[in-house]
N, C-alpha and C. Protein backbone atom coordinates (compact mmCIF):
# COMPACT_ATOMS: atom_id res chain seq x y z
N MET A 1 67.76 46.87 -5.01
CA MET A 1 67.60 45.65 -5.77
C MET A 1 66.13 45.23 -5.72
N GLU A 2 65.61 44.86 -6.86
CA GLU A 2 64.21 44.48 -6.95
C GLU A 2 63.97 43.13 -6.26
N LYS A 3 62.83 43.00 -5.62
CA LYS A 3 62.48 41.73 -4.97
C LYS A 3 62.36 40.67 -6.05
N LEU A 4 62.96 39.50 -5.82
CA LEU A 4 63.08 38.49 -6.86
C LEU A 4 61.75 37.94 -7.35
N GLN A 5 60.91 37.44 -6.46
CA GLN A 5 59.72 36.75 -6.92
C GLN A 5 58.48 37.60 -6.69
N LYS A 6 58.03 38.21 -7.77
CA LYS A 6 56.77 38.94 -7.75
C LYS A 6 55.81 38.20 -8.66
N ARG A 7 54.70 37.79 -8.13
CA ARG A 7 53.76 36.99 -8.89
C ARG A 7 53.37 37.67 -10.19
N GLY A 8 53.50 36.90 -11.29
CA GLY A 8 53.09 37.39 -12.60
C GLY A 8 54.14 38.23 -13.31
N LEU A 9 55.31 38.42 -12.72
CA LEU A 9 56.35 39.23 -13.36
C LEU A 9 57.56 38.39 -13.70
N ASN A 10 58.28 38.80 -14.73
CA ASN A 10 59.57 38.21 -15.04
C ASN A 10 60.62 39.13 -14.43
N VAL A 11 61.48 38.58 -13.57
CA VAL A 11 62.48 39.36 -12.87
C VAL A 11 63.84 38.71 -13.05
N GLU A 12 64.87 39.53 -13.25
CA GLU A 12 66.23 39.03 -13.38
C GLU A 12 67.14 39.81 -12.43
N LEU A 13 67.95 39.10 -11.67
CA LEU A 13 68.93 39.71 -10.77
C LEU A 13 70.31 39.16 -11.07
N LYS A 14 71.33 39.99 -10.90
CA LYS A 14 72.71 39.56 -11.08
C LYS A 14 73.49 39.92 -9.83
N VAL A 15 74.34 38.99 -9.40
CA VAL A 15 75.13 39.15 -8.18
C VAL A 15 76.55 38.67 -8.46
N VAL A 16 77.52 39.34 -7.84
CA VAL A 16 78.91 38.88 -7.89
C VAL A 16 79.44 38.81 -6.47
N TRP A 17 80.06 37.66 -6.14
CA TRP A 17 80.70 37.48 -4.84
C TRP A 17 82.20 37.26 -5.04
N SER A 18 83.00 37.76 -4.12
CA SER A 18 84.42 37.38 -4.10
C SER A 18 84.57 36.27 -3.08
N ASN A 19 85.49 35.37 -3.36
CA ASN A 19 85.81 34.28 -2.45
C ASN A 19 86.97 34.76 -1.60
N GLU A 20 86.73 34.99 -0.31
CA GLU A 20 87.74 35.53 0.60
C GLU A 20 88.62 34.43 1.18
N GLU A 21 88.17 33.20 1.09
CA GLU A 21 88.89 32.07 1.68
C GLU A 21 89.94 31.53 0.71
N GLN A 22 89.54 31.41 -0.55
CA GLN A 22 90.43 30.99 -1.62
C GLN A 22 90.32 32.04 -2.70
N PHE A 23 91.35 32.29 -3.44
CA PHE A 23 91.28 33.31 -4.48
C PHE A 23 90.25 32.88 -5.51
N GLY A 24 89.22 33.73 -5.73
CA GLY A 24 88.21 33.40 -6.72
C GLY A 24 87.01 34.31 -6.63
N CYS A 25 86.02 34.05 -7.48
CA CYS A 25 84.79 34.84 -7.47
C CYS A 25 83.67 34.03 -8.12
N GLU A 26 82.46 34.58 -8.01
CA GLU A 26 81.28 33.96 -8.62
C GLU A 26 80.39 35.02 -9.23
N TYR A 27 79.86 34.70 -10.41
CA TYR A 27 78.81 35.49 -11.05
C TYR A 27 77.55 34.64 -11.00
N LEU A 28 76.46 35.22 -10.47
CA LEU A 28 75.18 34.51 -10.37
C LEU A 28 74.10 35.33 -11.03
N LYS A 29 73.28 34.66 -11.84
CA LYS A 29 72.11 35.29 -12.44
C LYS A 29 70.89 34.50 -12.01
N LEU A 30 69.91 35.21 -11.44
CA LEU A 30 68.64 34.60 -11.04
C LEU A 30 67.55 35.11 -11.98
N VAL A 31 66.79 34.19 -12.53
CA VAL A 31 65.70 34.56 -13.42
C VAL A 31 64.42 33.91 -12.92
N SER A 32 63.41 34.75 -12.64
CA SER A 32 62.11 34.27 -12.19
C SER A 32 61.10 34.59 -13.28
N LYS A 33 60.41 33.57 -13.75
CA LYS A 33 59.41 33.75 -14.81
C LYS A 33 58.02 33.61 -14.22
N ASN A 34 57.25 34.68 -14.31
CA ASN A 34 55.88 34.70 -13.80
C ASN A 34 55.79 34.36 -12.32
N GLY A 35 56.89 34.57 -11.57
CA GLY A 35 56.88 34.32 -10.14
C GLY A 35 56.77 32.86 -9.76
N ASN A 36 56.91 31.94 -10.73
CA ASN A 36 56.77 30.51 -10.42
C ASN A 36 58.14 29.85 -10.33
N LEU A 37 58.58 29.21 -11.40
CA LEU A 37 59.86 28.51 -11.39
C LEU A 37 60.98 29.54 -11.57
N THR A 38 61.98 29.47 -10.71
CA THR A 38 63.12 30.36 -10.79
C THR A 38 64.36 29.54 -11.11
N THR A 39 65.25 30.12 -11.90
CA THR A 39 66.50 29.47 -12.25
C THR A 39 67.66 30.31 -11.74
N ALA A 40 68.60 29.64 -11.08
CA ALA A 40 69.85 30.28 -10.66
C ALA A 40 70.96 29.68 -11.52
N GLN A 41 71.71 30.55 -12.19
CA GLN A 41 72.83 30.10 -13.01
C GLN A 41 74.09 30.76 -12.48
N GLY A 42 75.05 29.95 -12.04
CA GLY A 42 76.26 30.48 -11.45
C GLY A 42 77.51 29.99 -12.16
N THR A 43 78.50 30.86 -12.21
CA THR A 43 79.83 30.50 -12.70
C THR A 43 80.82 30.89 -11.62
N ILE A 44 81.59 29.91 -11.16
CA ILE A 44 82.55 30.10 -10.08
C ILE A 44 83.94 29.78 -10.61
N ILE A 45 84.90 30.63 -10.32
CA ILE A 45 86.30 30.30 -10.57
C ILE A 45 87.05 30.46 -9.25
N PHE A 46 87.92 29.52 -8.97
CA PHE A 46 88.70 29.63 -7.74
C PHE A 46 89.97 28.81 -7.86
N ILE A 47 90.95 29.18 -7.04
CA ILE A 47 92.20 28.44 -6.95
C ILE A 47 92.14 27.58 -5.71
N ASP A 48 92.36 26.29 -5.89
CA ASP A 48 92.43 25.36 -4.78
C ASP A 48 93.87 25.39 -4.27
N GLY A 49 94.10 26.14 -3.20
CA GLY A 49 95.44 26.36 -2.68
C GLY A 49 96.14 25.09 -2.24
N GLU A 50 95.38 24.10 -1.74
CA GLU A 50 95.99 22.87 -1.26
C GLU A 50 96.62 22.08 -2.40
N LYS A 51 96.06 22.20 -3.59
CA LYS A 51 96.54 21.42 -4.72
C LYS A 51 97.17 22.29 -5.80
N SER A 52 97.26 23.59 -5.56
CA SER A 52 97.80 24.53 -6.55
C SER A 52 97.14 24.31 -7.91
N ASP A 53 95.81 24.33 -7.90
CA ASP A 53 95.05 24.07 -9.11
C ASP A 53 93.89 25.07 -9.20
N ALA A 54 93.51 25.42 -10.39
CA ALA A 54 92.38 26.34 -10.61
C ALA A 54 91.20 25.55 -11.15
N HIS A 55 89.97 26.02 -10.79
CA HIS A 55 88.76 25.31 -11.22
C HIS A 55 87.71 26.28 -11.73
N ASN A 56 86.91 25.78 -12.66
CA ASN A 56 85.76 26.49 -13.19
C ASN A 56 84.55 25.63 -12.91
N ILE A 57 83.57 26.20 -12.20
CA ILE A 57 82.34 25.47 -11.85
C ILE A 57 81.16 26.22 -12.46
N ASN A 58 80.35 25.53 -13.21
CA ASN A 58 79.10 26.10 -13.73
C ASN A 58 77.95 25.28 -13.16
N TYR A 59 76.96 25.99 -12.61
CA TYR A 59 75.82 25.27 -12.04
C TYR A 59 74.51 25.96 -12.40
N THR A 60 73.47 25.15 -12.42
CA THR A 60 72.11 25.64 -12.62
C THR A 60 71.23 24.96 -11.58
N VAL A 61 70.46 25.77 -10.86
CA VAL A 61 69.50 25.25 -9.89
C VAL A 61 68.13 25.77 -10.29
N GLU A 62 67.17 24.88 -10.43
CA GLU A 62 65.78 25.27 -10.68
C GLU A 62 65.00 25.03 -9.39
N PHE A 63 64.24 26.06 -8.96
CA PHE A 63 63.46 25.92 -7.74
C PHE A 63 62.13 26.62 -7.91
N ASP A 64 61.16 26.22 -7.09
CA ASP A 64 59.80 26.75 -7.24
C ASP A 64 59.60 28.02 -6.41
N GLU A 65 58.37 28.51 -6.36
CA GLU A 65 58.07 29.76 -5.67
C GLU A 65 58.27 29.67 -4.16
N HIS A 66 58.42 28.44 -3.63
CA HIS A 66 58.68 28.23 -2.20
C HIS A 66 60.17 27.98 -1.93
N TRP A 67 60.99 28.20 -2.95
CA TRP A 67 62.44 28.01 -2.86
C TRP A 67 62.81 26.54 -2.62
N ILE A 68 62.01 25.64 -3.12
CA ILE A 68 62.30 24.21 -3.02
C ILE A 68 62.96 23.76 -4.32
N THR A 69 64.14 23.18 -4.19
CA THR A 69 64.92 22.75 -5.35
C THR A 69 64.21 21.63 -6.10
N LYS A 70 64.16 21.78 -7.43
CA LYS A 70 63.56 20.77 -8.29
C LYS A 70 64.61 20.07 -9.15
N ARG A 71 65.65 20.81 -9.54
CA ARG A 71 66.69 20.24 -10.42
C ARG A 71 68.00 20.96 -10.17
N LEU A 72 69.08 20.19 -10.23
CA LEU A 72 70.43 20.72 -10.06
C LEU A 72 71.34 20.13 -11.12
N ASN A 73 72.15 20.97 -11.74
CA ASN A 73 73.15 20.52 -12.69
C ASN A 73 74.45 21.26 -12.39
N ILE A 74 75.54 20.53 -12.24
CA ILE A 74 76.86 21.13 -11.99
C ILE A 74 77.86 20.53 -12.97
N VAL A 75 78.69 21.39 -13.55
CA VAL A 75 79.78 20.95 -14.42
C VAL A 75 81.07 21.54 -13.87
N VAL A 76 82.05 20.68 -13.65
CA VAL A 76 83.35 21.09 -13.10
C VAL A 76 84.40 20.99 -14.19
N ASP A 77 85.08 22.11 -14.42
CA ASP A 77 86.18 22.16 -15.39
C ASP A 77 85.78 21.64 -16.77
N TYR A 78 84.54 21.86 -17.16
CA TYR A 78 84.00 21.45 -18.46
C TYR A 78 84.13 19.95 -18.70
N PHE A 79 84.25 19.18 -17.62
CA PHE A 79 84.49 17.74 -17.77
C PHE A 79 83.57 16.91 -16.88
N SER A 80 83.74 16.99 -15.58
CA SER A 80 82.92 16.21 -14.65
C SER A 80 81.58 16.89 -14.44
N SER A 81 80.53 16.10 -14.32
CA SER A 81 79.21 16.71 -14.14
C SER A 81 78.35 15.87 -13.20
N LEU A 82 77.34 16.54 -12.66
CA LEU A 82 76.38 15.91 -11.77
C LEU A 82 75.03 16.54 -12.04
N GLU A 83 74.00 15.70 -12.14
CA GLU A 83 72.64 16.20 -12.27
C GLU A 83 71.75 15.43 -11.31
N LEU A 84 70.95 16.18 -10.55
CA LEU A 84 70.01 15.59 -9.61
C LEU A 84 68.63 16.21 -9.83
N ILE A 85 67.61 15.40 -9.62
CA ILE A 85 66.23 15.85 -9.75
C ILE A 85 65.54 15.54 -8.42
N SER A 86 64.71 16.48 -7.94
CA SER A 86 64.00 16.29 -6.67
C SER A 86 62.50 16.45 -6.88
N ASP A 87 61.74 15.71 -6.08
CA ASP A 87 60.29 15.89 -6.10
C ASP A 87 59.87 16.96 -5.10
N GLY A 88 60.85 17.56 -4.39
CA GLY A 88 60.56 18.61 -3.42
C GLY A 88 60.07 18.09 -2.09
N GLU A 89 60.03 16.77 -1.93
CA GLU A 89 59.55 16.15 -0.70
C GLU A 89 60.62 15.27 -0.06
N GLY A 90 61.89 15.51 -0.42
CA GLY A 90 62.99 14.77 0.17
C GLY A 90 63.42 13.55 -0.60
N ASN A 91 62.92 13.39 -1.83
CA ASN A 91 63.32 12.27 -2.68
C ASN A 91 64.15 12.81 -3.84
N TRP A 92 65.32 12.20 -4.06
CA TRP A 92 66.25 12.64 -5.09
C TRP A 92 66.48 11.51 -6.08
N PHE A 93 66.68 11.91 -7.35
CA PHE A 93 66.83 10.95 -8.43
C PHE A 93 67.97 11.37 -9.35
N ASN A 94 68.62 10.38 -9.96
CA ASN A 94 69.61 10.70 -10.99
C ASN A 94 68.90 10.88 -12.32
N THR A 95 69.65 11.12 -13.37
CA THR A 95 69.04 11.41 -14.67
C THR A 95 68.34 10.20 -15.29
N ASP A 96 68.63 9.00 -14.77
CA ASP A 96 67.94 7.80 -15.25
C ASP A 96 66.66 7.53 -14.46
N GLY A 97 66.34 8.44 -13.51
CA GLY A 97 65.15 8.27 -12.71
C GLY A 97 65.32 7.34 -11.53
N GLU A 98 66.55 6.90 -11.27
CA GLU A 98 66.82 6.01 -10.14
C GLU A 98 66.96 6.82 -8.86
N PRO A 99 66.39 6.35 -7.75
CA PRO A 99 66.49 7.10 -6.49
C PRO A 99 67.92 7.11 -5.96
N VAL A 100 68.29 8.22 -5.33
CA VAL A 100 69.58 8.35 -4.65
C VAL A 100 69.24 8.28 -3.16
N ASP A 101 69.19 7.07 -2.64
CA ASP A 101 68.67 6.81 -1.29
C ASP A 101 69.42 7.52 -0.18
N LYS A 102 70.74 7.71 -0.32
CA LYS A 102 71.50 8.33 0.76
C LYS A 102 71.14 9.80 0.98
N LEU A 103 70.37 10.38 0.05
CA LEU A 103 69.96 11.78 0.17
C LEU A 103 68.52 11.92 0.67
N LYS A 104 67.85 10.83 0.90
CA LYS A 104 66.43 10.86 1.26
C LYS A 104 66.19 11.72 2.50
N GLY A 105 65.20 12.59 2.39
CA GLY A 105 64.83 13.47 3.49
C GLY A 105 65.34 14.89 3.33
N ALA A 106 66.38 15.08 2.54
CA ALA A 106 66.93 16.42 2.34
C ALA A 106 66.09 17.18 1.32
N ILE A 107 65.82 18.44 1.60
CA ILE A 107 65.04 19.29 0.69
C ILE A 107 65.96 20.25 -0.07
N ASP A 108 66.97 20.76 0.63
CA ASP A 108 67.83 21.80 0.07
C ASP A 108 69.18 21.23 -0.36
N ILE A 109 69.86 22.02 -1.21
CA ILE A 109 71.21 21.67 -1.63
C ILE A 109 72.19 22.67 -1.04
N ASP A 110 73.43 22.23 -0.88
CA ASP A 110 74.52 23.10 -0.46
C ASP A 110 75.73 22.77 -1.31
N ILE A 111 76.01 23.63 -2.29
CA ILE A 111 77.20 23.49 -3.12
C ILE A 111 78.33 24.19 -2.37
N SER A 112 79.41 23.46 -2.09
CA SER A 112 80.44 23.97 -1.18
C SER A 112 81.07 25.28 -1.62
N ALA A 113 81.08 25.60 -2.90
CA ALA A 113 81.82 26.77 -3.39
C ALA A 113 80.97 28.02 -3.60
N THR A 114 79.69 28.00 -3.17
CA THR A 114 78.84 29.18 -3.41
C THR A 114 78.00 29.55 -2.19
N PRO A 115 77.88 30.86 -1.91
CA PRO A 115 76.98 31.28 -0.84
C PRO A 115 75.50 31.25 -1.25
N PHE A 116 75.23 31.06 -2.54
CA PHE A 116 73.84 31.00 -2.99
C PHE A 116 73.06 29.91 -2.25
N SER A 117 73.74 28.80 -1.94
CA SER A 117 73.07 27.68 -1.28
C SER A 117 72.35 28.10 -0.01
N ASN A 118 72.88 29.09 0.71
CA ASN A 118 72.24 29.56 1.95
C ASN A 118 70.87 30.17 1.69
N SER A 119 70.64 30.69 0.50
CA SER A 119 69.38 31.36 0.18
C SER A 119 68.19 30.41 0.16
N LEU A 120 68.42 29.15 -0.18
CA LEU A 120 67.30 28.22 -0.32
C LEU A 120 66.59 27.97 1.00
N PRO A 121 67.28 27.51 2.06
CA PRO A 121 66.54 27.32 3.32
C PRO A 121 66.10 28.64 3.96
N ILE A 122 66.91 29.68 3.82
CA ILE A 122 66.55 30.98 4.42
C ILE A 122 65.24 31.49 3.84
N ASN A 123 65.04 31.34 2.55
CA ASN A 123 63.85 31.89 1.89
C ASN A 123 62.61 31.01 2.02
N ARG A 124 62.75 29.83 2.59
CA ARG A 124 61.59 28.95 2.76
C ARG A 124 60.86 29.18 4.07
N VAL A 125 61.41 30.01 4.95
CA VAL A 125 60.85 30.18 6.29
C VAL A 125 60.45 31.64 6.51
N ASN A 126 59.30 31.87 7.16
CA ASN A 126 58.93 33.21 7.61
C ASN A 126 59.52 33.38 9.01
N TRP A 127 60.67 34.02 9.08
CA TRP A 127 61.48 34.05 10.30
C TRP A 127 60.97 35.03 11.33
N GLU A 128 61.07 34.62 12.59
CA GLU A 128 60.85 35.51 13.73
C GLU A 128 62.16 35.56 14.52
N GLU A 129 62.39 36.65 15.22
CA GLU A 129 63.64 36.82 15.96
C GLU A 129 63.88 35.64 16.91
N ASN A 130 65.12 35.14 16.89
CA ASN A 130 65.60 34.00 17.70
C ASN A 130 65.05 32.65 17.26
N GLN A 131 64.31 32.61 16.17
CA GLN A 131 63.81 31.33 15.66
C GLN A 131 64.98 30.49 15.16
N LEU A 132 64.99 29.21 15.54
CA LEU A 132 66.02 28.25 15.14
C LEU A 132 65.38 27.18 14.29
N GLU A 133 65.99 26.90 13.13
CA GLU A 133 65.50 25.85 12.25
C GLU A 133 66.66 24.96 11.83
N HIS A 134 66.36 23.65 11.73
CA HIS A 134 67.35 22.66 11.29
C HIS A 134 66.95 22.17 9.90
N PHE A 135 67.94 21.97 9.05
CA PHE A 135 67.69 21.54 7.68
C PHE A 135 68.62 20.40 7.31
N GLU A 136 68.05 19.36 6.68
CA GLU A 136 68.87 18.32 6.08
C GLU A 136 69.21 18.80 4.67
N MET A 137 70.49 18.81 4.37
CA MET A 137 70.97 19.36 3.11
C MET A 137 71.67 18.30 2.27
N VAL A 138 71.53 18.40 0.95
CA VAL A 138 72.35 17.62 0.03
C VAL A 138 73.62 18.45 -0.16
N TYR A 139 74.72 17.98 0.43
CA TYR A 139 75.99 18.71 0.36
C TYR A 139 76.80 18.19 -0.82
N ILE A 140 77.22 19.09 -1.70
CA ILE A 140 78.01 18.73 -2.88
C ILE A 140 79.36 19.40 -2.75
N LEU A 141 80.40 18.60 -2.58
CA LEU A 141 81.76 19.11 -2.46
C LEU A 141 82.33 19.29 -3.86
N VAL A 142 82.82 20.49 -4.14
CA VAL A 142 83.48 20.71 -5.43
C VAL A 142 84.96 20.97 -5.17
N PRO A 143 85.83 20.50 -6.06
CA PRO A 143 85.54 19.98 -7.41
C PRO A 143 85.23 18.49 -7.51
N SER A 144 85.27 17.73 -6.41
CA SER A 144 85.14 16.27 -6.51
C SER A 144 83.72 15.80 -6.83
N LEU A 145 82.70 16.64 -6.56
CA LEU A 145 81.28 16.29 -6.73
C LEU A 145 80.84 15.17 -5.79
N GLU A 146 81.57 15.01 -4.69
CA GLU A 146 81.17 14.05 -3.65
C GLU A 146 79.85 14.52 -3.04
N LEU A 147 78.93 13.58 -2.83
CA LEU A 147 77.60 13.87 -2.30
C LEU A 147 77.42 13.26 -0.92
N LYS A 148 76.81 14.03 -0.01
CA LYS A 148 76.40 13.47 1.26
C LYS A 148 75.29 14.32 1.85
N LYS A 149 74.56 13.74 2.78
CA LYS A 149 73.49 14.46 3.46
C LYS A 149 74.06 14.98 4.77
N VAL A 150 73.85 16.29 5.04
CA VAL A 150 74.35 16.89 6.28
C VAL A 150 73.23 17.68 6.95
N LEU A 151 73.37 17.86 8.26
CA LEU A 151 72.43 18.66 9.02
C LEU A 151 73.03 20.04 9.25
N GLN A 152 72.26 21.08 8.95
CA GLN A 152 72.69 22.46 9.18
C GLN A 152 71.59 23.19 9.93
N SER A 153 71.98 24.25 10.64
CA SER A 153 70.97 25.03 11.35
C SER A 153 71.18 26.52 11.12
N TYR A 154 70.07 27.25 11.17
CA TYR A 154 70.06 28.71 11.06
C TYR A 154 69.22 29.25 12.21
N ARG A 155 69.74 30.28 12.87
CA ARG A 155 68.97 31.00 13.88
C ARG A 155 68.90 32.45 13.43
N PHE A 156 67.67 32.97 13.30
CA PHE A 156 67.50 34.37 12.89
C PHE A 156 67.80 35.26 14.09
N ILE A 157 68.80 36.13 13.93
CA ILE A 157 69.24 36.98 15.03
C ILE A 157 68.52 38.32 15.03
N ARG A 158 68.57 39.02 13.88
CA ARG A 158 67.98 40.36 13.84
C ARG A 158 67.89 40.87 12.41
N SER A 159 67.06 41.92 12.24
CA SER A 159 67.02 42.72 11.01
C SER A 159 67.62 44.08 11.34
N GLU A 160 68.39 44.61 10.39
CA GLU A 160 69.02 45.91 10.61
C GLU A 160 69.32 46.56 9.26
N ASN A 161 68.79 47.75 9.04
CA ASN A 161 69.03 48.49 7.79
C ASN A 161 68.71 47.68 6.54
N GLY A 162 67.61 46.94 6.57
CA GLY A 162 67.18 46.16 5.40
C GLY A 162 67.90 44.84 5.23
N LEU A 163 68.80 44.49 6.16
CA LEU A 163 69.53 43.24 6.09
C LEU A 163 69.09 42.32 7.23
N LYS A 164 69.24 41.01 7.01
CA LYS A 164 68.91 40.03 8.05
C LYS A 164 70.19 39.29 8.43
N TYR A 165 70.31 38.99 9.73
CA TYR A 165 71.49 38.31 10.25
C TYR A 165 71.09 36.96 10.83
N PHE A 166 71.86 35.93 10.45
CA PHE A 166 71.60 34.56 10.89
C PHE A 166 72.86 33.96 11.49
N HIS A 167 72.66 33.19 12.56
CA HIS A 167 73.72 32.35 13.09
C HIS A 167 73.61 31.02 12.35
N TYR A 168 74.67 30.65 11.62
CA TYR A 168 74.68 29.45 10.80
C TYR A 168 75.61 28.42 11.44
N ARG A 169 75.18 27.15 11.42
CA ARG A 169 76.02 26.09 11.99
C ARG A 169 75.92 24.83 11.14
N CYS A 170 77.08 24.20 10.92
CA CYS A 170 77.16 22.89 10.26
C CYS A 170 78.31 22.14 10.92
N TYR A 171 78.01 21.00 11.52
CA TYR A 171 78.98 20.27 12.34
C TYR A 171 79.54 21.22 13.40
N ASP A 172 80.86 21.39 13.47
CA ASP A 172 81.46 22.27 14.46
C ASP A 172 81.71 23.68 13.93
N TYR A 173 81.40 23.91 12.65
CA TYR A 173 81.63 25.22 12.05
C TYR A 173 80.41 26.11 12.31
N GLU A 174 80.67 27.34 12.73
CA GLU A 174 79.57 28.29 12.90
C GLU A 174 80.05 29.70 12.60
N THR A 175 79.12 30.53 12.14
CA THR A 175 79.41 31.91 11.81
C THR A 175 78.11 32.70 11.76
N ILE A 176 78.23 34.01 11.58
CA ILE A 176 77.07 34.88 11.38
C ILE A 176 77.08 35.32 9.92
N ILE A 177 75.98 35.04 9.22
CA ILE A 177 75.88 35.49 7.83
C ILE A 177 74.82 36.58 7.72
N CYS A 178 75.03 37.45 6.76
CA CYS A 178 74.14 38.59 6.53
C CYS A 178 73.56 38.46 5.13
N VAL A 179 72.22 38.62 4.99
CA VAL A 179 71.56 38.50 3.70
C VAL A 179 70.69 39.73 3.44
N ASP A 180 70.40 39.96 2.16
CA ASP A 180 69.55 41.10 1.77
C ASP A 180 68.08 40.69 1.75
N ALA A 181 67.22 41.55 1.21
CA ALA A 181 65.78 41.30 1.18
C ALA A 181 65.41 40.09 0.34
N ASN A 182 66.29 39.68 -0.58
CA ASN A 182 66.07 38.49 -1.39
C ASN A 182 66.65 37.24 -0.76
N GLY A 183 67.22 37.37 0.43
CA GLY A 183 67.85 36.23 1.08
C GLY A 183 69.18 35.85 0.47
N LEU A 184 69.78 36.77 -0.29
CA LEU A 184 71.09 36.52 -0.91
C LEU A 184 72.19 37.06 -0.02
N VAL A 185 73.24 36.26 0.16
CA VAL A 185 74.32 36.62 1.07
C VAL A 185 75.00 37.92 0.66
N VAL A 186 75.15 38.81 1.64
CA VAL A 186 75.91 40.05 1.48
C VAL A 186 77.30 39.85 2.08
N ASN A 187 77.34 39.22 3.26
CA ASN A 187 78.62 38.98 3.93
C ASN A 187 78.58 37.64 4.64
N TYR A 188 79.56 36.80 4.31
CA TYR A 188 79.78 35.51 4.96
C TYR A 188 81.22 35.61 5.45
N PRO A 189 81.44 36.09 6.68
CA PRO A 189 82.75 36.55 7.14
C PRO A 189 83.90 35.58 6.87
N GLY A 190 84.93 36.11 6.21
CA GLY A 190 86.11 35.35 5.91
C GLY A 190 85.97 34.36 4.79
N VAL A 191 84.77 34.26 4.20
CA VAL A 191 84.53 33.27 3.15
C VAL A 191 84.04 33.93 1.86
N PHE A 192 82.88 34.65 1.91
CA PHE A 192 82.33 35.29 0.73
C PHE A 192 81.92 36.71 1.04
N MET A 193 82.14 37.61 0.09
CA MET A 193 81.74 39.01 0.22
C MET A 193 81.06 39.43 -1.09
N ARG A 194 79.87 40.00 -0.97
CA ARG A 194 79.13 40.44 -2.14
C ARG A 194 79.76 41.73 -2.68
N LYS A 195 79.95 41.78 -4.01
CA LYS A 195 80.52 42.95 -4.67
C LYS A 195 79.42 43.76 -5.36
N ILE A 196 78.43 43.10 -5.98
CA ILE A 196 77.25 43.78 -6.55
C ILE A 196 76.02 42.91 -6.32
């Protein structure tokens, strides 16, 4: 797979994940133009087993060459939507330009139904073995689009055969995730598995 952000080049990557926790999958397309602003466009379908309901989630994330989110748009079931804009310094705004104060300080987003969210903080750091970093995240629960700020941590464990392994923690939940050279999840045990 080609490295995503090469200065001065237009690069496009496509990824498909299966949802191992709930029946579903995701198609993600990443487009980097001139190595500057990159757009991630994802389509997720999944069955919410607790409610015996199926959902379609479409999202677009725009981020800069440092993997800092600038804009987020999510549409759930072609009906409910959310759009947020960030200055990249921990300030978030709605589409009317009004600040969303409860998110202040968070740089990254975490959409509950996609492993792509892990790529944003992972790709912002030049990791050394055993390095631990904490991140304030804008957590978006789908399908409800409930927003809250959460603290998450990543510890870089090792590189092996071109893959990187991280110990991930949020509240009491923890696991080991594996990412490729682009920082895109290959295996998130019991939750997401990369197919291409």
